[in-house]
């Protein structure tokens, strides 16, 4: 692997030399818009370092990193010690985590003032607004690891396809940049932002949707580029709070694209639609009268676009909701039964997310519980008003609870035969068990995927 990398870097140097001073100068100027970001995730039992790549978006030192940089269930208070490095540098600058934008998925950071003069925002360069043509050549930047001082290197590739996924995205023949880093055309204009590694296998995955494909993913480089026209309008969506709130919420789940055979039967062959599967009781959708099996055809009079594969329209619909604000009123054109209807919905505020949930770690018992959330109601097929108990958030490997089969996302219904009706009750009960040094065991009744299990946990 080291030899391969050495040869690769030699190729990069040769590419710059052969391309002339023009491309070399463009490269050297544009690496000022990219950074490496280091931070730590503090879990119950360890402090794990994370390295990701980011793009500078303004003169205030604001940086965006990809959605995949931080797992959805990681709480903001578990994110520690953000540092930013310039390519090829060992000197770090502190950064503040600003939160995640629900619509774009980007996480935002702001680096301390001392580093800002050395950075150039991506918006400082001209941009390509038109879609690239097939076989157009684009180039981008990759960064090596920390032990190699985040050395920058040159990548280039040709456009193989342009698709809506649901945003306009270019798929290139080979890798063109590190995930989260900018991509440019031959004149140095900003062409888009490289996406996370899964994207480069999108076409392969879509052809194996009914199986379980094994994919080899390059986590350091990507061949998929979100085009500049889909990036630039949304760079200003800096979160107002570290939680990313406010977040608009409709309250529908399990959306599916309208089946072509159903569309033909309903004489909707030339239309695109999403079928509502689950509606959370008390949600904006429920209050507005939306029903399961309704087919949404349009939002505020704009028909849902016909996208391929068909399921991409589900992502389009979800993004259309997240682009709005709580309190916004929308009109959904739906097909119900045998007729069209218009449903007026006032969007609400997204209920508490997993990363915001109250949680408590019991070191002796070896697991963490968190409060039951609205999202758990959907997963457990129960009404929010009936939801009670707590959910397992973390299980310590090798612990007694792990040995008897306790898993994250298990719903704890009873502890030692007592029905658990609240997070506070569960914490009090488990604290009491943990404090009893002579206790030999305790018993949990848990639900998982609709099945109930009794777990007898021995205490050392």
Foldseek 3Di string as FASTA:
>chain_A
DVVVVVVVQVVQVVVCVVVDPQVVVLVVVQLLQKKKKWKWFADPPDTHIFIFIWGAADLQQKIKTALVSDDQLRAPVRIGFMWIARAQDLDIFTKAWQAAAPQRSITMIHTDPVCSVSHDHLVVFAADQDDDDFFFKKAWWFFDDVVRRRHIGIFMFTFHDWFPLPATKTATPDFHYFAHTFMAGPNSHTFFGFHAFVVNCVVVCVVQVPHDDDDDTDRRTHRMGRTPNRPVVCPPQRAPGRHSDQFWAQFFDDKFKDDCVVCVVLVNNVFTWIFTADGAPPFQNVVQPNDHRKIFQAKQPHGQDCGPPNRSSVVVVVSVRRVDGQQDKMWTWIDDDNDIDITITGIHGDWDGSNRWDKDDQVQQFWMKTWDTSVLCVVQVHHPVPDAAIFTADGHPPGQCVVQPDDGRWGWQDKQRHGTGTPVVVVVVVVVVSPPPPDFWIWTWTDDNRDIDIGIGGGD
